[in-house]
Each structure stands twice: as structure tokens, then as C-alpha cells.
Protein backbone atom coordinates (compact mmCIF):
# COMPACT_ATOMS: atom_id res chain seq x y z
CA LYS A 1 123.51 83.50 79.02
CA MET A 2 122.17 82.72 82.48
CA ILE A 3 121.73 86.42 83.20
CA ASP A 4 119.94 87.01 79.89
CA ARG A 5 117.51 84.18 80.63
CA THR A 6 116.52 85.50 84.06
CA LEU A 7 116.90 89.28 83.95
CA PHE A 8 113.65 89.98 82.07
CA SER A 9 111.44 88.50 84.80
CA VAL A 10 112.94 90.38 87.77
CA CYS A 11 110.25 92.30 89.66
CA ASN A 12 110.38 96.10 89.44
CA ASP A 13 107.90 96.70 92.30
CA GLU A 14 109.90 98.34 95.11
CA THR A 15 107.49 97.02 97.76
CA ARG A 16 108.44 93.44 96.84
CA PHE A 17 112.16 93.90 97.43
CA HIS A 18 112.74 90.15 97.87
CA LEU A 19 111.84 89.77 94.17
CA ASN A 20 113.95 92.74 92.97
CA GLY A 21 116.85 90.52 92.08
CA VAL A 22 117.99 87.12 90.85
CA LEU A 23 118.43 84.17 93.18
CA PHE A 24 121.87 82.62 92.65
CA GLU A 25 122.53 79.10 93.94
CA SER A 26 125.77 77.18 93.51
CA ASP A 27 127.13 73.89 94.81
CA GLY A 28 130.62 74.53 93.44
CA ALA A 29 130.14 72.58 90.20
CA ASN A 30 126.61 73.60 89.15
CA ALA A 31 124.84 76.94 89.36
CA ARG A 32 121.23 78.01 89.18
CA MET A 33 119.67 81.43 88.64
CA VAL A 34 115.98 82.09 89.32
CA SER A 35 113.85 85.22 89.06
CA THR A 36 110.16 86.02 89.24
CA ASP A 37 107.91 89.06 89.15
CA GLY A 38 104.86 87.20 90.40
CA HIS A 39 103.57 86.52 86.87
CA ARG A 40 106.56 84.81 85.29
CA LEU A 41 109.24 82.58 86.71
CA SER A 42 112.58 82.04 84.99
CA LYS A 43 115.01 79.33 86.02
CA VAL A 44 118.25 78.36 84.33
CA ALA A 45 120.83 75.83 85.48
CA ARG A 46 124.32 75.20 84.11
CA GLU A 47 127.49 73.35 84.95
CA LEU A 48 129.60 76.16 86.30
CA ALA A 49 132.57 76.16 88.61
CA GLY A 50 131.79 78.69 91.27
CA PRO A 51 131.52 79.25 94.97
CA LYS A 52 129.96 76.51 97.09
CA LEU A 53 127.02 78.17 98.84
CA SER A 54 125.06 76.67 101.73
CA ALA A 55 122.05 78.79 100.70
CA GLY A 56 121.16 80.90 97.68
CA VAL A 57 121.81 84.64 97.57
CA ILE A 58 119.70 87.33 95.92
CA ILE A 59 121.68 89.60 93.61
CA PRO A 60 119.87 92.92 92.98
CA LYS A 61 118.91 93.85 89.42
CA LYS A 62 121.37 96.74 89.24
CA GLY A 63 124.16 94.44 90.44
CA ILE A 64 123.20 91.83 87.84
CA LEU A 65 123.36 94.49 85.11
CA GLU A 66 126.86 95.56 86.24
CA LEU A 67 127.98 91.92 86.47
CA LYS A 68 126.68 91.32 82.95
CA ARG A 69 128.63 94.31 81.67
CA LEU A 70 131.75 93.02 83.36
CA LEU A 71 131.31 89.51 81.94
CA GLU A 72 130.75 90.88 78.43
CA SER A 73 134.30 92.27 78.51
CA GLY A 74 135.36 88.77 77.46
CA SER A 75 137.73 87.87 80.25
CA THR A 76 137.13 85.12 82.76
CA CYS A 77 135.92 86.13 86.18
CA LYS A 78 136.13 84.65 89.63
CA LEU A 79 133.10 84.83 91.91
CA ALA A 80 133.11 84.82 95.69
CA VAL A 81 130.38 85.38 98.26
CA LYS A 82 131.11 86.88 101.64
CA THR A 83 127.78 87.90 103.10
CA PRO A 84 126.45 90.53 102.53
CA TYR A 85 128.43 90.91 99.29
CA LEU A 86 129.10 89.06 96.06
CA PHE A 87 132.51 89.78 94.59
CA ALA A 88 133.45 89.40 90.94
CA VAL A 89 137.13 89.66 90.07
CA CYS A 90 138.02 90.08 86.39
CA ASP A 91 141.61 90.88 85.53
CA ASP A 92 142.49 93.98 87.57
CA LEU A 93 138.87 94.95 88.33
CA THR A 94 136.93 93.89 91.43
CA LEU A 95 133.17 94.44 91.61
CA ALA A 96 131.42 94.25 95.00
CA ILE A 97 127.64 93.84 94.88
CA LYS A 98 125.59 94.22 98.07
CA LEU A 99 123.15 91.32 98.22
CA ILE A 100 119.46 91.61 99.06
CA ASP A 101 119.00 90.43 102.64
CA SER A 102 115.70 88.58 102.32
CA GLN A 103 114.19 85.18 101.68
CA PHE A 104 113.40 84.27 98.06
CA PRO A 105 110.03 82.48 97.71
CA PRO A 106 110.06 78.67 97.48
CA TYR A 107 110.02 78.60 93.66
CA GLU A 108 110.32 74.79 93.46
CA GLN A 109 106.72 74.52 94.72
CA VAL A 110 105.48 76.36 91.62
CA ILE A 111 107.24 74.15 89.08
CA PRO A 112 105.25 70.97 88.32
CA LYS A 113 107.10 67.77 89.17
CA ASP A 114 105.14 65.52 86.82
CA LEU A 115 104.54 66.94 83.34
CA LYS A 116 101.40 65.26 82.05
CA LYS A 117 101.09 67.35 78.89
CA GLN A 118 103.96 68.65 76.83
CA VAL A 119 103.98 70.65 73.59
CA VAL A 120 106.91 70.97 71.21
CA VAL A 121 106.66 73.93 68.83
CA ASP A 122 109.06 75.86 66.62
CA ARG A 123 110.12 78.73 68.88
CA VAL A 124 110.71 81.31 66.14
CA ARG A 125 107.36 80.64 64.43
CA LEU A 126 105.55 80.82 67.78
CA ILE A 127 107.13 84.18 68.63
CA GLU A 128 106.35 85.59 65.17
CA SER A 129 102.72 84.46 65.46
CA LEU A 130 102.42 85.92 68.94
CA ARG A 131 103.83 89.27 67.80
CA ARG A 132 101.19 89.47 65.07
CA ALA A 133 98.44 88.46 67.49
CA GLN A 134 99.73 90.97 70.04
CA LEU A 135 98.81 93.78 67.64
CA MET A 136 95.14 92.94 68.17
CA SER A 137 95.33 92.29 71.91
CA SER A 138 94.97 94.89 74.62
CA GLU A 139 95.81 95.18 78.32
CA THR A 140 92.56 93.43 79.24
CA ARG A 141 92.37 91.02 76.31
CA GLY A 142 95.26 88.63 75.71
CA VAL A 143 95.71 85.91 73.14
CA LYS A 144 94.00 82.53 73.20
CA PHE A 145 95.82 79.25 72.63
CA ALA A 146 93.63 76.37 71.45
CA LEU A 147 95.63 73.16 71.47
CA GLY A 148 94.50 70.03 69.65
CA ASP A 149 96.22 67.00 68.17
CA ALA A 150 99.30 68.27 66.29
CA ASN A 151 97.79 71.76 66.03
CA LEU A 152 98.00 75.06 67.95
CA THR A 153 95.60 77.85 67.03
CA ILE A 154 96.45 81.34 68.27
CA THR A 155 93.64 83.88 68.19
CA SER A 156 93.28 87.45 69.33
CA ASP A 157 90.51 89.91 68.72
CA ASN A 158 89.84 93.55 69.31
CA PRO A 159 86.35 94.96 68.66
CA ASP A 160 87.87 98.15 67.24
CA LEU A 161 90.62 96.61 65.08
CA GLY A 162 89.65 93.09 64.04
CA GLU A 163 90.78 89.53 64.63
CA VAL A 164 93.94 87.47 64.14
CA ARG A 165 93.92 83.69 63.79
CA GLU A 166 97.03 81.61 63.10
CA GLU A 167 97.63 77.88 63.14
CA LEU A 168 100.94 76.18 63.89
CA ASP A 169 101.97 72.55 63.61
CA VAL A 170 103.04 71.17 66.97
CA ASP A 171 104.11 67.89 68.48
CA TYR A 172 101.23 67.22 70.89
CA SER A 173 98.92 64.27 71.43
CA GLY A 174 97.01 65.15 74.62
CA GLY A 175 93.42 66.27 74.88
CA ALA A 176 92.12 69.60 73.65
CA ILE A 177 93.04 72.62 75.79
CA ALA A 178 92.12 76.29 75.48
CA ILE A 179 93.87 78.91 77.60
CA GLY A 180 94.54 82.66 77.47
CA PHE A 181 97.90 84.38 77.89
CA ASN A 182 99.37 87.83 77.99
CA PRO A 183 101.39 87.69 74.72
CA LYS A 184 104.15 89.92 76.09
CA TYR A 185 104.93 87.38 78.83
CA VAL A 186 105.05 84.45 76.43
CA ILE A 187 107.24 86.34 73.94
CA GLU A 188 109.70 87.29 76.68
């Protein structure tokens, strides 16, 4: 589950090799995985018995995909890190993944510490609305979120195709906000 929640936002730009993987941090009892492509940042944390690392390691995307395949086999796996490799041992199979030797950006600086405004919305309805609005958006024109008291309006228009406007009930009581998004990023 941690891999699924971070894999989609791994950077594919070869010139930004320090972002071409997932940062894995573990204190022995808790683990964190973080990835970013410069537009999106994914972070997931879980209670997970694992290696105690003094610093995080960057697992390359291809290695993460192989690790995911190994974990989907259903058996339990043991993880170990011996720089520059991460080892996964499952039953009679050992997978060695060469780690990316680079510094991951300080992602904690990007995540707000004090959330002043928070919206609670039905995830499935939001994704369905965004998929419909995405049909009218283009590379240069995204979708617009207009947030008011207990209401989210999603709009998208395309001069050649038309306009989409949907309203969703939300749990929100802050001031009015209007902001544009790339619908693909929000859906992912």
C-alpha cells in the first residue's frame, strides 16, 4: 500500500536523478515513503517493523516496481540496508536493489505545519467530477475549484468543446477560495 501511494509521483526526468525514486525512512518501528516529481509530493507513514536507518535511502523506481512484485507474492519479507544496496529476502528469494546515491530534497519544508483551512469531501464523488471536468480541460487549461461554505464548484471550459460545472457538498467553513489545478494530478 505504501508503494502504491508513492509510486505515481516519482519523477521520470533523467536529469533529476535524485527524484527518480522513493525516499524510504525507517526508525525500526515506523516507516515513511516519500516521492515527488516537482509538481506533486506523496508521503505515507505506517507502523512497520523494519531496519533502523540513521538517514533515509532513495530506492529507484525500477527497484520499487520489482519490490512491489515480490511483496505481491503474498509471503512476508525481511528488509535490510547495507549501503549502497537494499536487500529484500522473501522465502528463498533475495532481491538486491542498488540505491540512488544522492540527497532527497527537504520535503518537510513543503508540507504546511499549521493547516488553517481544511476541506472534507467524498473522495469517489470528487474523482468522478474531476474525470468529467478533465474531458473539457486541455494541457494549458486546467479545472477551477471554487470553494465556499459547504460547497465546492468544479468548472472547466474549452472554447471548442463547451463547459462543465459540477457542485459537491463539502465540510468547509472558511472563506471563499478559487484556485486552478491540473485535474490529472488531483485524480492521481
